[in-house]
């Protein structure tokens, strides 16, 4: 297995800079034995009565801040909370910041640089902590968009666009993007179809965008993320299986947490903690049978995951089809509905 096996060419013009409006008008490529070009509002007809759709209810925190170190202006993007008042962050320009520096932000907030690592990463200790700090970020922070969307610089519209319908539990610094396609109308249609919807929580970190730099993807270290699966989710999975329904993950984050919480027999257990599950071709899936997900970056751990789920050759063909037909890629782009390869 080589990282270059998961590479593909993508024209920059196909990288979506804004989401489809309405959200459920986005295109949907159903990938099974054959490829089928659909729309997100067709999802209820592509699922069966009795199926269970599991969504991620994490809420993205607006963690992008503009501040000053004396007269110098700096841009900060918080990416992992390490205590109620402390975060790991990326700073630009990194050369203007050193340990023990004090940074001032709009609205009277300040922070001290406690440590400085490589690649522009610093540790910040804020003057506020816990709920007070989160409340400040909600009013003063900007959305931490991935770098391929307007160079990571969000605006007021992104405060709504980059949150899913089910966003509830603050803690993510990246959106569970498959969920961006769901609307109240689509959820109503799913319920009318007999599809049950339940939610878990996985707080997505900036590591989700980290490229695989090793020639062998098995040498790559995956970031760890905090998640929780409640007893209600485990009960919903058991009920779906009892009625013959399939377990459908809305997004790779939901899939990774479900697979982390499932035991060897495939039974889902309540879970609370960090997961660093890394899914490559050859992985034996314990629980998830279908996957709703966006189109992912070449050479990324997420393209490796979908290749493990549906087969590398099938996903290469699906992505080539999508490029040829002008599908929109990445976080604000279109979606795919995948069926697990061993179930085809």
C-alpha atoms as a PDB file:
ATOM      1  CA  UNK A   1       0.000   0.000   0.000  1.00  0.00           C
ATOM      2  CA  UNK A   2       1.372   3.411  -1.007  1.00  0.00           C
ATOM      3  CA  UNK A   3       0.108   6.919  -0.351  1.00  0.00           C
ATOM      4  CA  UNK A   4       0.316   7.690  -4.071  1.00  0.00           C
ATOM      5  CA  UNK A   5      -2.310   4.991  -4.677  1.00  0.00           C
ATOM      6  CA  UNK A   6      -4.832   7.450  -3.209  1.00  0.00           C
ATOM      7  CA  UNK A   7      -3.876  10.404  -5.391  1.00  0.00           C
ATOM      8  CA  UNK A   8      -6.040  11.949  -8.117  1.00  0.00           C
ATOM      9  CA  UNK A   9      -6.177  15.131 -10.187  1.00  0.00           C
ATOM     10  CA  UNK A  10      -8.774  17.757  -9.306  1.00  0.00           C
ATOM     11  CA  UNK A  11      -9.272  21.066 -11.137  1.00  0.00           C
ATOM     12  CA  UNK A  12      -9.248  23.975  -8.681  1.00  0.00           C
ATOM     13  CA  UNK A  13     -12.481  25.200 -10.243  1.00  0.00           C
ATOM     14  CA  UNK A  14     -14.324  22.240  -8.682  1.00  0.00           C
ATOM     15  CA  UNK A  15     -13.428  23.183  -5.086  1.00  0.00           C
ATOM     16  CA  UNK A  16     -16.637  24.687  -3.681  1.00  0.00           C
ATOM     17  CA  UNK A  17     -16.271  28.108  -2.073  1.00  0.00           C
ATOM     18  CA  UNK A  18     -19.882  28.415  -0.900  1.00  0.00           C
ATOM     19  CA  UNK A  19     -22.502  25.756  -0.125  1.00  0.00           C
ATOM     20  CA  UNK A  20     -25.445  24.889  -2.362  1.00  0.00           C
ATOM     21  CA  UNK A  21     -28.643  26.786  -1.627  1.00  0.00           C
ATOM     22  CA  UNK A  22     -30.878  25.320  -0.428  1.00  0.00           C
ATOM     23  CA  UNK A  23     -28.568  22.841   1.237  1.00  0.00           C
ATOM     24  CA  UNK A  24     -30.505  19.790   0.096  1.00  0.00           C
ATOM     25  CA  UNK A  25     -30.198  20.847  -3.557  1.00  0.00           C
ATOM     26  CA  UNK A  26     -26.559  19.682  -3.558  1.00  0.00           C
ATOM     27  CA  UNK A  27     -25.729  16.848  -5.934  1.00  0.00           C
ATOM     28  CA  UNK A  28     -25.454  13.318  -4.570  1.00  0.00           C
ATOM     29  CA  UNK A  29     -23.522  10.507  -6.217  1.00  0.00           C
ATOM     30  CA  UNK A  30     -24.861   7.115  -5.101  1.00  0.00           C
ATOM     31  CA  UNK A  31     -22.028   4.586  -5.261  1.00  0.00           C
ATOM     32  CA  UNK A  32     -22.933   0.891  -5.275  1.00  0.00           C
ATOM     33  CA  UNK A  33     -22.594  -1.720  -7.965  1.00  0.00           C
ATOM     34  CA  UNK A  34     -23.233   1.197 -10.339  1.00  0.00           C
ATOM     35  CA  UNK A  35     -23.040   4.984 -10.123  1.00  0.00           C
ATOM     36  CA  UNK A  36     -26.222   7.056  -9.951  1.00  0.00           C
ATOM     37  CA  UNK A  37     -26.376  10.865 -10.237  1.00  0.00           C
ATOM     38  CA  UNK A  38     -28.947  12.223  -7.800  1.00  0.00           C
ATOM     39  CA  UNK A  39     -29.670  15.182  -5.510  1.00  0.00           C
ATOM     40  CA  UNK A  40     -29.566  15.327  -1.725  1.00  0.00           C
ATOM     41  CA  UNK A  41     -33.342  15.671  -1.593  1.00  0.00           C
ATOM     42  CA  UNK A  42     -33.478  12.169  -3.124  1.00  0.00           C
ATOM     43  CA  UNK A  43     -31.863  10.684  -0.006  1.00  0.00           C
ATOM     44  CA  UNK A  44     -35.117   9.344   1.511  1.00  0.00           C
ATOM     45  CA  UNK A  45     -35.751   7.283  -1.637  1.00  0.00           C
ATOM     46  CA  UNK A  46     -32.203   5.887  -1.483  1.00  0.00           C
ATOM     47  CA  UNK A  47     -32.651   4.640   2.097  1.00  0.00           C
ATOM     48  CA  UNK A  48     -35.134   2.011   3.283  1.00  0.00           C
ATOM     49  CA  UNK A  49     -37.811   2.148   5.987  1.00  0.00           C
ATOM     50  CA  UNK A  50     -36.221   0.961   9.199  1.00  0.00           C
ATOM     51  CA  UNK A  51     -32.770   2.378   8.432  1.00  0.00           C
ATOM     52  CA  UNK A  52     -30.985   4.439  11.093  1.00  0.00           C
ATOM     53  CA  UNK A  53     -29.123   7.628  10.129  1.00  0.00           C
ATOM     54  CA  UNK A  54     -26.503   8.618  12.718  1.00  0.00           C
ATOM     55  CA  UNK A  55     -25.438  12.287  12.658  1.00  0.00           C
ATOM     56  CA  UNK A  56     -22.720  14.193  14.524  1.00  0.00           C
ATOM     57  CA  UNK A  57     -24.135  16.983  16.717  1.00  0.00           C
ATOM     58  CA  UNK A  58     -20.830  18.738  17.392  1.00  0.00           C
ATOM     59  CA  UNK A  59     -20.902  22.512  17.062  1.00  0.00           C
ATOM     60  CA  UNK A  60     -18.022  24.406  15.455  1.00  0.00           C
ATOM     61  CA  UNK A  61     -16.514  27.081  17.693  1.00  0.00           C
ATOM     62  CA  UNK A  62     -15.548  30.309  15.876  1.00  0.00           C
ATOM     63  CA  UNK A  63     -11.873  30.077  16.793  1.00  0.00           C
ATOM     64  CA  UNK A  64     -10.260  32.460  14.326  1.00  0.00           C
ATOM     65  CA  UNK A  65      -9.098  35.698  15.983  1.00  0.00           C
ATOM     66  CA  UNK A  66      -7.277  38.834  14.896  1.00  0.00           C
ATOM     67  CA  UNK A  67      -5.121  40.349  17.600  1.00  0.00           C
ATOM     68  CA  UNK A  68      -1.999  42.353  18.346  1.00  0.00           C
ATOM     69  CA  UNK A  69       1.344  41.866  20.015  1.00  0.00           C
ATOM     70  CA  UNK A  70       2.154  45.487  20.721  1.00  0.00           C
ATOM     71  CA  UNK A  71       1.978  47.229  17.340  1.00  0.00           C
ATOM     72  CA  UNK A  72       2.234  44.001  15.356  1.00  0.00           C
ATOM     73  CA  UNK A  73      -0.943  42.421  14.026  1.00  0.00           C
ATOM     74  CA  UNK A  74      -1.313  38.624  14.278  1.00  0.00           C
ATOM     75  CA  UNK A  75      -3.897  36.096  13.109  1.00  0.00           C
ATOM     76  CA  UNK A  76      -4.721  33.252  15.488  1.00  0.00           C
ATOM     77  CA  UNK A  77      -6.612  30.035  14.813  1.00  0.00           C
ATOM     78  CA  UNK A  78      -7.286  27.932  17.902  1.00  0.00           C
ATOM     79  CA  UNK A  79      -7.385  24.250  17.083  1.00  0.00           C
ATOM     80  CA  UNK A  80      -7.333  22.190  20.289  1.00  0.00           C
ATOM     81  CA  UNK A  81      -8.426  22.997  23.820  1.00  0.00           C
ATOM     82  CA  UNK A  82      -6.051  21.648  26.457  1.00  0.00           C
ATOM     83  CA  UNK A  83      -7.626  23.177  29.597  1.00  0.00           C
ATOM     84  CA  UNK A  84     -10.533  25.562  30.340  1.00  0.00           C
ATOM     85  CA  UNK A  85      -8.289  28.588  29.630  1.00  0.00           C
ATOM     86  CA  UNK A  86      -5.605  27.116  27.336  1.00  0.00           C
ATOM     87  CA  UNK A  87      -5.590  26.247  23.640  1.00  0.00           C
ATOM     88  CA  UNK A  88      -3.137  25.107  21.034  1.00  0.00           C
ATOM     89  CA  UNK A  89      -3.258  27.564  18.145  1.00  0.00           C
ATOM     90  CA  UNK A  90      -1.676  28.404  14.826  1.00  0.00           C
ATOM     91  CA  UNK A  91      -0.336  31.947  14.533  1.00  0.00           C
ATOM     92  CA  UNK A  92       0.565  34.030  11.482  1.00  0.00           C
ATOM     93  CA  UNK A  93       3.112  35.505  11.106  1.00  0.00           C
ATOM     94  CA  UNK A  94       4.815  33.131  13.518  1.00  0.00           C
ATOM     95  CA  UNK A  95       8.051  35.124  13.599  1.00  0.00           C
ATOM     96  CA  UNK A  96       6.351  37.969  15.489  1.00  0.00           C
ATOM     97  CA  UNK A  97       5.392  35.833  18.493  1.00  0.00           C
ATOM     98  CA  UNK A  98       7.579  34.378  21.260  1.00  0.00           C
ATOM     99  CA  UNK A  99       6.938  32.674  24.627  1.00  0.00           C
ATOM    100  CA  UNK A 100       5.849  35.085  27.404  1.00  0.00           C
ATOM    101  CA  UNK A 101       4.406  37.542  24.851  1.00  0.00           C
ATOM    102  CA  UNK A 102       1.001  39.024  25.643  1.00  0.00           C
ATOM    103  CA  UNK A 103      -1.576  39.210  22.852  1.00  0.00           C
ATOM    104  CA  UNK A 104      -4.560  41.559  22.886  1.00  0.00           C
ATOM    105  CA  UNK A 105      -7.827  40.821  21.096  1.00  0.00           C
ATOM    106  CA  UNK A 106     -10.985  42.858  20.413  1.00  0.00           C
ATOM    107  CA  UNK A 107     -13.493  43.135  23.232  1.00  0.00           C
ATOM    108  CA  UNK A 108     -10.891  43.362  25.986  1.00  0.00           C
ATOM    109  CA  UNK A 109      -9.649  39.758  25.788  1.00  0.00           C
ATOM    110  CA  UNK A 110      -5.949  38.945  26.240  1.00  0.00           C
ATOM    111  CA  UNK A 111      -3.761  35.851  26.278  1.00  0.00           C
ATOM    112  CA  UNK A 112      -0.204  34.907  27.129  1.00  0.00           C
ATOM    113  CA  UNK A 113       1.982  32.789  24.853  1.00  0.00           C
ATOM    114  CA  UNK A 114       3.074  29.900  27.061  1.00  0.00           C
ATOM    115  CA  UNK A 115       5.007  27.893  24.502  1.00  0.00           C
ATOM    116  CA  UNK A 116       5.991  27.903  20.840  1.00  0.00           C
ATOM    117  CA  UNK A 117       6.431  24.798  18.726  1.00  0.00           C
ATOM    118  CA  UNK A 118       7.112  24.189  15.075  1.00  0.00           C
ATOM    119  CA  UNK A 119       4.989  25.005  12.029  1.00  0.00           C
ATOM    120  CA  UNK A 120       3.613  28.174  13.624  1.00  0.00           C
ATOM    121  CA  UNK A 121       1.963  26.404  16.570  1.00  0.00           C
ATOM    122  CA  UNK A 122       1.767  28.101  19.964  1.00  0.00           C
ATOM    123  CA  UNK A 123       0.111  27.459  23.326  1.00  0.00           C
ATOM    124  CA  UNK A 124      -2.093  30.287  24.561  1.00  0.00           C
ATOM    125  CA  UNK A 125      -3.439  30.892  28.071  1.00  0.00           C
ATOM    126  CA  UNK A 126      -6.417  33.260  28.009  1.00  0.00           C
ATOM    127  CA  UNK A 127      -7.584  35.706  30.657  1.00  0.00           C
ATOM    128  CA  UNK A 128     -11.006  34.009  30.564  1.00  0.00           C
ATOM    129  CA  UNK A 129     -11.810  30.322  30.798  1.00  0.00           C
ATOM    130  CA  UNK A 130     -14.590  27.786  30.373  1.00  0.00           C
ATOM    131  CA  UNK A 131     -17.982  29.145  29.412  1.00  0.00           C
ATOM    132  CA  UNK A 132     -16.788  32.742  29.532  1.00  0.00           C
ATOM    133  CA  UNK A 133     -14.115  32.043  26.922  1.00  0.00           C
ATOM    134  CA  UNK A 134     -16.537  30.119  24.699  1.00  0.00           C
ATOM    135  CA  UNK A 135     -19.050  32.975  24.944  1.00  0.00           C
ATOM    136  CA  UNK A 136     -16.321  35.413  23.897  1.00  0.00           C
ATOM    137  CA  UNK A 137     -15.384  33.296  20.879  1.00  0.00           C
ATOM    138  CA  UNK A 138     -19.028  33.044  19.805  1.00  0.00           C
ATOM    139  CA  UNK A 139     -19.281  36.828  19.617  1.00  0.00           C
ATOM    140  CA  UNK A 140     -15.765  37.817  18.509  1.00  0.00           C
ATOM    141  CA  UNK A 141     -14.376  34.803  16.648  1.00  0.00           C
ATOM    142  CA  UNK A 142     -14.539  33.913  12.979  1.00  0.00           C
ATOM    143  CA  UNK A 143     -15.150  30.486  11.487  1.00  0.00           C
ATOM    144  CA  UNK A 144     -11.938  28.415  11.106  1.00  0.00           C
ATOM    145  CA  UNK A 145     -12.525  27.463   7.487  1.00  0.00           C
ATOM    146  CA  UNK A 146     -10.172  24.965   5.841  1.00  0.00           C
ATOM    147  CA  UNK A 147      -7.431  26.582   3.743  1.00  0.00           C
ATOM    148  CA  UNK A 148      -8.997  25.565   0.403  1.00  0.00           C
ATOM    149  CA  UNK A 149     -12.057  27.773   1.097  1.00  0.00           C
ATOM    150  CA  UNK A 150     -11.112  31.400   0.505  1.00  0.00           C
ATOM    151  CA  UNK A 151      -7.690  30.753   2.088  1.00  0.00           C
ATOM    152  CA  UNK A 152      -9.396  29.979   5.399  1.00  0.00           C
ATOM    153  CA  UNK A 153     -10.868  33.462   5.764  1.00  0.00           C
ATOM    154  CA  UNK A 154     -14.534  33.199   6.667  1.00  0.00           C
ATOM    155  CA  UNK A 155     -17.121  35.959   6.799  1.00  0.00           C
ATOM    156  CA  UNK A 156     -20.432  36.550   8.571  1.00  0.00           C
ATOM    157  CA  UNK A 157     -22.275  34.181   6.232  1.00  0.00           C
ATOM    158  CA  UNK A 158     -19.990  31.308   7.214  1.00  0.00           C
ATOM    159  CA  UNK A 159     -21.144  31.578  10.831  1.00  0.00           C
ATOM    160  CA  UNK A 160     -24.379  29.959   9.618  1.00  0.00           C
ATOM    161  CA  UNK A 161     -23.140  28.076   6.555  1.00  0.00           C
ATOM    162  CA  UNK A 162     -20.436  26.144   8.427  1.00  0.00           C
ATOM    163  CA  UNK A 163     -22.811  24.749  11.086  1.00  0.00           C
ATOM    164  CA  UNK A 164     -24.993  21.706  10.560  1.00  0.00           C
ATOM    165  CA  UNK A 165     -28.707  21.416  11.284  1.00  0.00           C
ATOM    166  CA  UNK A 166     -27.895  19.264  14.332  1.00  0.00           C
ATOM    167  CA  UNK A 167     -25.039  21.395  15.749  1.00  0.00           C
ATOM    168  CA  UNK A 168     -25.543  21.451  19.500  1.00  0.00           C
ATOM    169  CA  UNK A 169     -22.438  20.571  21.549  1.00  0.00           C
ATOM    170  CA  UNK A 170     -19.613  23.144  21.200  1.00  0.00           C
ATOM    171  CA  UNK A 171     -16.125  21.752  20.701  1.00  0.00           C
ATOM    172  CA  UNK A 172     -15.205  21.270  17.028  1.00  0.00           C
ATOM    173  CA  UNK A 173     -12.860  23.400  14.948  1.00  0.00           C
ATOM    174  CA  UNK A 174     -14.071  21.837  11.690  1.00  0.00           C
ATOM    175  CA  UNK A 175     -17.587  20.952  10.602  1.00  0.00           C
ATOM    176  CA  UNK A 176     -18.884  17.406  10.062  1.00  0.00           C
ATOM    177  CA  UNK A 177     -19.479  18.383   6.461  1.00  0.00           C
ATOM    178  CA  UNK A 178     -21.841  15.604   5.364  1.00  0.00           C
ATOM    179  CA  UNK A 179     -24.324  17.064   7.844  1.00  0.00           C
ATOM    180  CA  UNK A 180     -24.198  20.445   6.110  1.00  0.00           C
ATOM    181  CA  UNK A 181     -26.577  19.024   3.472  1.00  0.00           C
ATOM    182  CA  UNK A 182     -29.392  18.205   5.890  1.00  0.00           C
ATOM    183  CA  UNK A 183     -32.392  20.505   6.202  1.00  0.00           C
ATOM    184  CA  UNK A 184     -35.579  20.410   8.258  1.00  0.00           C
ATOM    185  CA  UNK A 185     -37.505  19.504   5.104  1.00  0.00           C
ATOM    186  CA  UNK A 186     -35.145  16.625   4.349  1.00  0.00           C
ATOM    187  CA  UNK A 187     -35.303  15.388   7.930  1.00  0.00           C
ATOM    188  CA  UNK A 188     -39.117  15.440   7.757  1.00  0.00           C
ATOM    189  CA  UNK A 189     -39.008  13.451   4.525  1.00  0.00           C
ATOM    190  CA  UNK A 190     -36.647  10.903   6.090  1.00  0.00           C
ATOM    191  CA  UNK A 191     -38.999  10.465   9.043  1.00  0.00           C
ATOM    192  CA  UNK A 192     -41.956  10.025   6.686  1.00  0.00           C
ATOM    193  CA  UNK A 193     -39.973   7.353   4.859  1.00  0.00           C
ATOM    194  CA  UNK A 194     -39.496   5.470   8.133  1.00  0.00           C
ATOM    195  CA  UNK A 195     -35.830   6.368   8.602  1.00  0.00           C
ATOM    196  CA  UNK A 196     -34.853   7.105  12.202  1.00  0.00           C
ATOM    197  CA  UNK A 197     -32.283   9.805  13.003  1.00  0.00           C
ATOM    198  CA  UNK A 198     -30.081   9.787  16.111  1.00  0.00           C
ATOM    199  CA  UNK A 199     -26.981  11.744  17.104  1.00  0.00           C
ATOM    200  CA  UNK A 200     -23.589  11.244  18.717  1.00  0.00           C
ATOM    201  CA  UNK A 201     -20.805  13.767  19.347  1.00  0.00           C
ATOM    202  CA  UNK A 202     -17.279  13.845  17.913  1.00  0.00           C
ATOM    203  CA  UNK A 203     -15.350  17.101  18.226  1.00  0.00           C
ATOM    204  CA  UNK A 204     -13.352  17.404  15.002  1.00  0.00           C
ATOM    205  CA  UNK A 205      -9.850  18.845  15.230  1.00  0.00           C
ATOM    206  CA  UNK A 206      -7.673  20.589  12.671  1.00  0.00           C
ATOM    207  CA  UNK A 207      -5.773  17.339  12.215  1.00  0.00           C
ATOM    208  CA  UNK A 208      -8.551  16.185   9.900  1.00  0.00           C
ATOM    209  CA  UNK A 209      -6.862  18.310   7.202  1.00  0.00           C
ATOM    210  CA  UNK A 210      -3.325  17.055   7.922  1.00  0.00           C
ATOM    211  CA  UNK A 211      -1.742  15.599   4.772  1.00  0.00           C
ATOM    212  CA  UNK A 212      -0.189  12.153   4.731  1.00  0.00           C
ATOM    213  CA  UNK A 213       3.502  12.848   4.097  1.00  0.00           C
ATOM    214  CA  UNK A 214       4.894   9.325   4.425  1.00  0.00           C
ATOM    215  CA  UNK A 215       5.186   7.083   1.375  1.00  0.00           C
ATOM    216  CA  UNK A 216       3.484   4.304   3.322  1.00  0.00           C
ATOM    217  CA  UNK A 217       0.172   5.546   4.804  1.00  0.00           C
ATOM    218  CA  UNK A 218       0.539   3.054   7.652  1.00  0.00           C
ATOM    219  CA  UNK A 219       3.411   5.193   8.961  1.00  0.00           C
ATOM    220  CA  UNK A 220       1.113   8.210   9.365  1.00  0.00           C
ATOM    221  CA  UNK A 221      -0.075   9.157  12.860  1.00  0.00           C
ATOM    222  CA  UNK A 222      -3.720  10.153  13.053  1.00  0.00           C
ATOM    223  CA  UNK A 223      -4.927  12.913  15.368  1.00  0.00           C
ATOM    224  CA  UNK A 224      -7.079  12.021  18.383  1.00  0.00           C
ATOM    225  CA  UNK A 225     -10.514  13.530  18.873  1.00  0.00           C
ATOM    226  CA  UNK A 226     -12.976  13.518  21.772  1.00  0.00           C
ATOM    227  CA  UNK A 227     -16.323  11.864  21.326  1.00  0.00           C
ATOM    228  CA  UNK A 228     -19.349  10.471  23.141  1.00  0.00           C
ATOM    229  CA  UNK A 229     -21.877   7.793  22.255  1.00  0.00           C
ATOM    230  CA  UNK A 230     -24.859   7.711  24.585  1.00  0.00           C
ATOM    231  CA  UNK A 231     -26.927   4.732  25.668  1.00  0.00           C
ATOM    232  CA  UNK A 232     -29.724   6.100  23.492  1.00  0.00           C
ATOM    233  CA  UNK A 233     -27.568   5.662  20.390  1.00  0.00           C
ATOM    234  CA  UNK A 234     -26.697   2.096  21.326  1.00  0.00           C
ATOM    235  CA  UNK A 235     -30.409   1.387  21.859  1.00  0.00           C
ATOM    236  CA  UNK A 236     -31.305   2.958  18.507  1.00  0.00           C
ATOM    237  CA  UNK A 237     -28.722   0.760  16.744  1.00  0.00           C
ATOM    238  CA  UNK A 238     -30.092  -2.376  18.414  1.00  0.00           C
ATOM    239  CA  UNK A 239     -33.649  -1.397  17.468  1.00  0.00           C
ATOM    240  CA  UNK A 240     -32.669  -0.761  13.849  1.00  0.00           C
ATOM    241  CA  UNK A 241     -30.956  -4.124  13.597  1.00  0.00           C
ATOM    242  CA  UNK A 242     -33.953  -5.869  15.167  1.00  0.00           C
ATOM    243  CA  UNK A 243     -36.240  -4.474  12.475  1.00  0.00           C
ATOM    244  CA  UNK A 244     -33.807  -5.299   9.675  1.00  0.00           C
ATOM    245  CA  UNK A 245     -32.643  -1.728   9.098  1.00  0.00           C
ATOM    246  CA  UNK A 246     -29.170  -0.635   8.069  1.00  0.00           C
ATOM    247  CA  UNK A 247     -26.820   1.612  10.033  1.00  0.00           C
ATOM    248  CA  UNK A 248     -26.070   4.702   7.940  1.00  0.00           C
ATOM    249  CA  UNK A 249     -23.334   7.078   9.145  1.00  0.00           C
ATOM    250  CA  UNK A 250     -23.771  10.731   8.219  1.00  0.00           C
ATOM    251  CA  UNK A 251     -20.112  11.591   7.725  1.00  0.00           C
ATOM    252  CA  UNK A 252     -16.758   9.959   8.313  1.00  0.00           C
ATOM    253  CA  UNK A 253     -16.698  11.395  11.852  1.00  0.00           C
ATOM    254  CA  UNK A 254     -19.881   9.530  12.795  1.00  0.00           C
ATOM    255  CA  UNK A 255     -18.486   6.386  11.170  1.00  0.00           C
ATOM    256  CA  UNK A 256     -15.155   6.599  13.006  1.00  0.00           C
ATOM    257  CA  UNK A 257     -16.839   7.014  16.381  1.00  0.00           C
ATOM    258  CA  UNK A 258     -19.346   4.227  15.760  1.00  0.00           C
ATOM    259  CA  UNK A 259     -16.545   1.886  14.763  1.00  0.00           C
ATOM    260  CA  UNK A 260     -14.523   2.956  17.820  1.00  0.00           C
ATOM    261  CA  UNK A 261     -17.424   2.206  20.160  1.00  0.00           C
ATOM    262  CA  UNK A 262     -18.414  -1.139  18.607  1.00  0.00           C
ATOM    263  CA  UNK A 263     -17.013  -4.318  20.120  1.00  0.00           C
ATOM    264  CA  UNK A 264     -15.605  -7.241  18.152  1.00  0.00           C
ATOM    265  CA  UNK A 265     -19.071  -8.736  17.722  1.00  0.00           C
ATOM    266  CA  UNK A 266     -20.370  -5.498  16.234  1.00  0.00           C
ATOM    267  CA  UNK A 267     -22.419  -4.477  19.254  1.00  0.00           C
ATOM    268  CA  UNK A 268     -22.343  -0.760  19.981  1.00  0.00           C
ATOM    269  CA  UNK A 269     -21.373   0.221  23.511  1.00  0.00           C
ATOM    270  CA  UNK A 270     -21.733   3.625  25.200  1.00  0.00           C
ATOM    271  CA  UNK A 271     -18.453   5.500  24.808  1.00  0.00           C
ATOM    272  CA  UNK A 272     -16.898   8.650  26.189  1.00  0.00           C
ATOM    273  CA  UNK A 273     -13.286   9.615  25.505  1.00  0.00           C
ATOM    274  CA  UNK A 274     -10.751  10.108  22.740  1.00  0.00           C
ATOM    275  CA  UNK A 275     -10.443   8.055  19.592  1.00  0.00           C
ATOM    276  CA  UNK A 276      -7.606   7.922  17.098  1.00  0.00           C
ATOM    277  CA  UNK A 277      -9.047   5.137  14.954  1.00  0.00           C
ATOM    278  CA  UNK A 278      -7.302   5.058  11.588  1.00  0.00           C
ATOM    279  CA  UNK A 279      -9.172   3.198   8.861  1.00  0.00           C
ATOM    280  CA  UNK A 280      -7.231   1.952   5.853  1.00  0.00           C
ATOM    281  CA  UNK A 281      -8.056  -0.658   3.183  1.00  0.00           C
ATOM    282  CA  UNK A 282      -8.119  -4.046   4.865  1.00  0.00           C
ATOM    283  CA  UNK A 283     -10.050  -2.788   7.896  1.00  0.00           C
ATOM    284  CA  UNK A 284     -13.005  -5.000   8.866  1.00  0.00           C
ATOM    285  CA  UNK A 285     -16.019  -2.797   9.544  1.00  0.00           C
ATOM    286  CA  UNK A 286     -17.967  -3.828  12.614  1.00  0.00           C
ATOM    287  CA  UNK A 287     -21.118  -1.760  12.390  1.00  0.00           C
ATOM    288  CA  UNK A 288     -21.644   0.859   9.661  1.00  0.00           C
ATOM    289  CA  UNK A 289     -23.251  -0.392   6.442  1.00  0.00           C
ATOM    290  CA  UNK A 290     -23.752   2.801   4.445  1.00  0.00           C
ATOM    291  CA  UNK A 291     -21.958   6.137   4.519  1.00  0.00           C
ATOM    292  CA  UNK A 292     -23.089   9.618   3.492  1.00  0.00           C
ATOM    293  CA  UNK A 293     -19.995  11.759   2.984  1.00  0.00           C
ATOM    294  CA  UNK A 294     -18.554  14.595   0.914  1.00  0.00           C
ATOM    295  CA  UNK A 295     -15.771  14.311  -1.666  1.00  0.00           C
ATOM    296  CA  UNK A 296     -12.361  14.253   0.027  1.00  0.00           C
ATOM    297  CA  UNK A 297      -8.852  15.497  -0.679  1.00  0.00           C
ATOM    298  CA  UNK A 298      -6.375  13.380  -2.647  1.00  0.00           C
ATOM    299  CA  UNK A 299      -3.830  11.475  -0.543  1.00  0.00           C
ATOM    300  CA  UNK A 300      -5.919  12.175   2.580  1.00  0.00           C
ATOM    301  CA  UNK A 301      -6.821   9.819   5.408  1.00  0.00           C
ATOM    302  CA  UNK A 302     -10.490  10.381   4.564  1.00  0.00           C
ATOM    303  CA  UNK A 303     -10.104   9.270   0.950  1.00  0.00           C
ATOM    304  CA  UNK A 304      -8.287   6.239   2.350  1.00  0.00           C
ATOM    305  CA  UNK A 305     -11.245   5.616   4.667  1.00  0.00           C
ATOM    306  CA  UNK A 306     -13.848   5.692   1.878  1.00  0.00           C
ATOM    307  CA  UNK A 307     -11.586   3.444  -0.191  1.00  0.00           C
ATOM    308  CA  UNK A 308     -11.545   0.991   2.698  1.00  0.00           C
ATOM    309  CA  UNK A 309     -15.340   1.203   2.878  1.00  0.00           C
ATOM    310  CA  UNK A 310     -16.266   0.840  -0.803  1.00  0.00           C
ATOM    311  CA  UNK A 311     -13.052  -0.346  -2.449  1.00  0.00           C
ATOM    312  CA  UNK A 312     -10.212   1.691  -3.929  1.00  0.00           C
ATOM    313  CA  UNK A 313     -10.994   0.908  -7.573  1.00  0.00           C
ATOM    314  CA  UNK A 314     -14.667   1.774  -7.086  1.00  0.00           C
ATOM    315  CA  UNK A 315     -13.838   5.083  -5.382  1.00  0.00           C
ATOM    316  CA  UNK A 316     -11.287   5.993  -8.054  1.00  0.00           C
ATOM    317  CA  UNK A 317     -13.966   5.398 -10.688  1.00  0.00           C
ATOM    318  CA  UNK A 318     -16.548   7.370  -8.681  1.00  0.00           C
ATOM    319  CA  UNK A 319     -14.221  10.363  -8.267  1.00  0.00           C
ATOM    320  CA  UNK A 320     -13.266  10.310 -11.957  1.00  0.00           C
ATOM    321  CA  UNK A 321     -16.992  10.298 -12.784  1.00  0.00           C
ATOM    322  CA  UNK A 322     -17.574  13.217 -10.407  1.00  0.00           C
ATOM    323  CA  UNK A 323     -14.733  15.280 -11.909  1.00  0.00           C
ATOM    324  CA  UNK A 324     -15.929  14.621 -15.455  1.00  0.00           C
ATOM    325  CA  UNK A 325     -19.459  15.743 -14.549  1.00  0.00           C
ATOM    326  CA  UNK A 326     -18.463  18.818 -12.596  1.00  0.00           C
ATOM    327  CA  UNK A 327     -19.393  17.792  -9.056  1.00  0.00           C
ATOM    328  CA  UNK A 328     -18.316  20.281  -6.389  1.00  0.00           C
ATOM    329  CA  UNK A 329     -15.663  19.021  -3.963  1.00  0.00           C
ATOM    330  CA  UNK A 330     -14.707  19.275  -0.285  1.00  0.00           C
ATOM    331  CA  UNK A 331     -16.409  20.886   2.708  1.00  0.00           C
ATOM    332  CA  UNK A 332     -18.965  23.059   0.892  1.00  0.00           C
ATOM    333  CA  UNK A 333     -19.266  20.637  -2.017  1.00  0.00           C
ATOM    334  CA  UNK A 334     -21.537  17.798  -3.077  1.00  0.00           C
ATOM    335  CA  UNK A 335     -21.980  14.400  -1.439  1.00  0.00           C
ATOM    336  CA  UNK A 336     -21.693  10.675  -2.011  1.00  0.00           C
ATOM    337  CA  UNK A 337     -23.799   7.839  -0.605  1.00  0.00           C
ATOM    338  CA  UNK A 338     -21.641   4.737  -0.295  1.00  0.00           C
ATOM    339  CA  UNK A 339     -22.554   1.110   0.316  1.00  0.00           C
ATOM    340  CA  UNK A 340     -20.023  -1.076   2.081  1.00  0.00           C
ATOM    341  CA  UNK A 341     -18.162  -3.182  -0.443  1.00  0.00           C
ATOM    342  CA  UNK A 342     -18.852  -6.556   1.176  1.00  0.00           C
ATOM    343  CA  UNK A 343     -22.604  -5.858   1.089  1.00  0.00           C
ATOM    344  CA  UNK A 344     -22.783  -5.237  -2.675  1.00  0.00           C
END
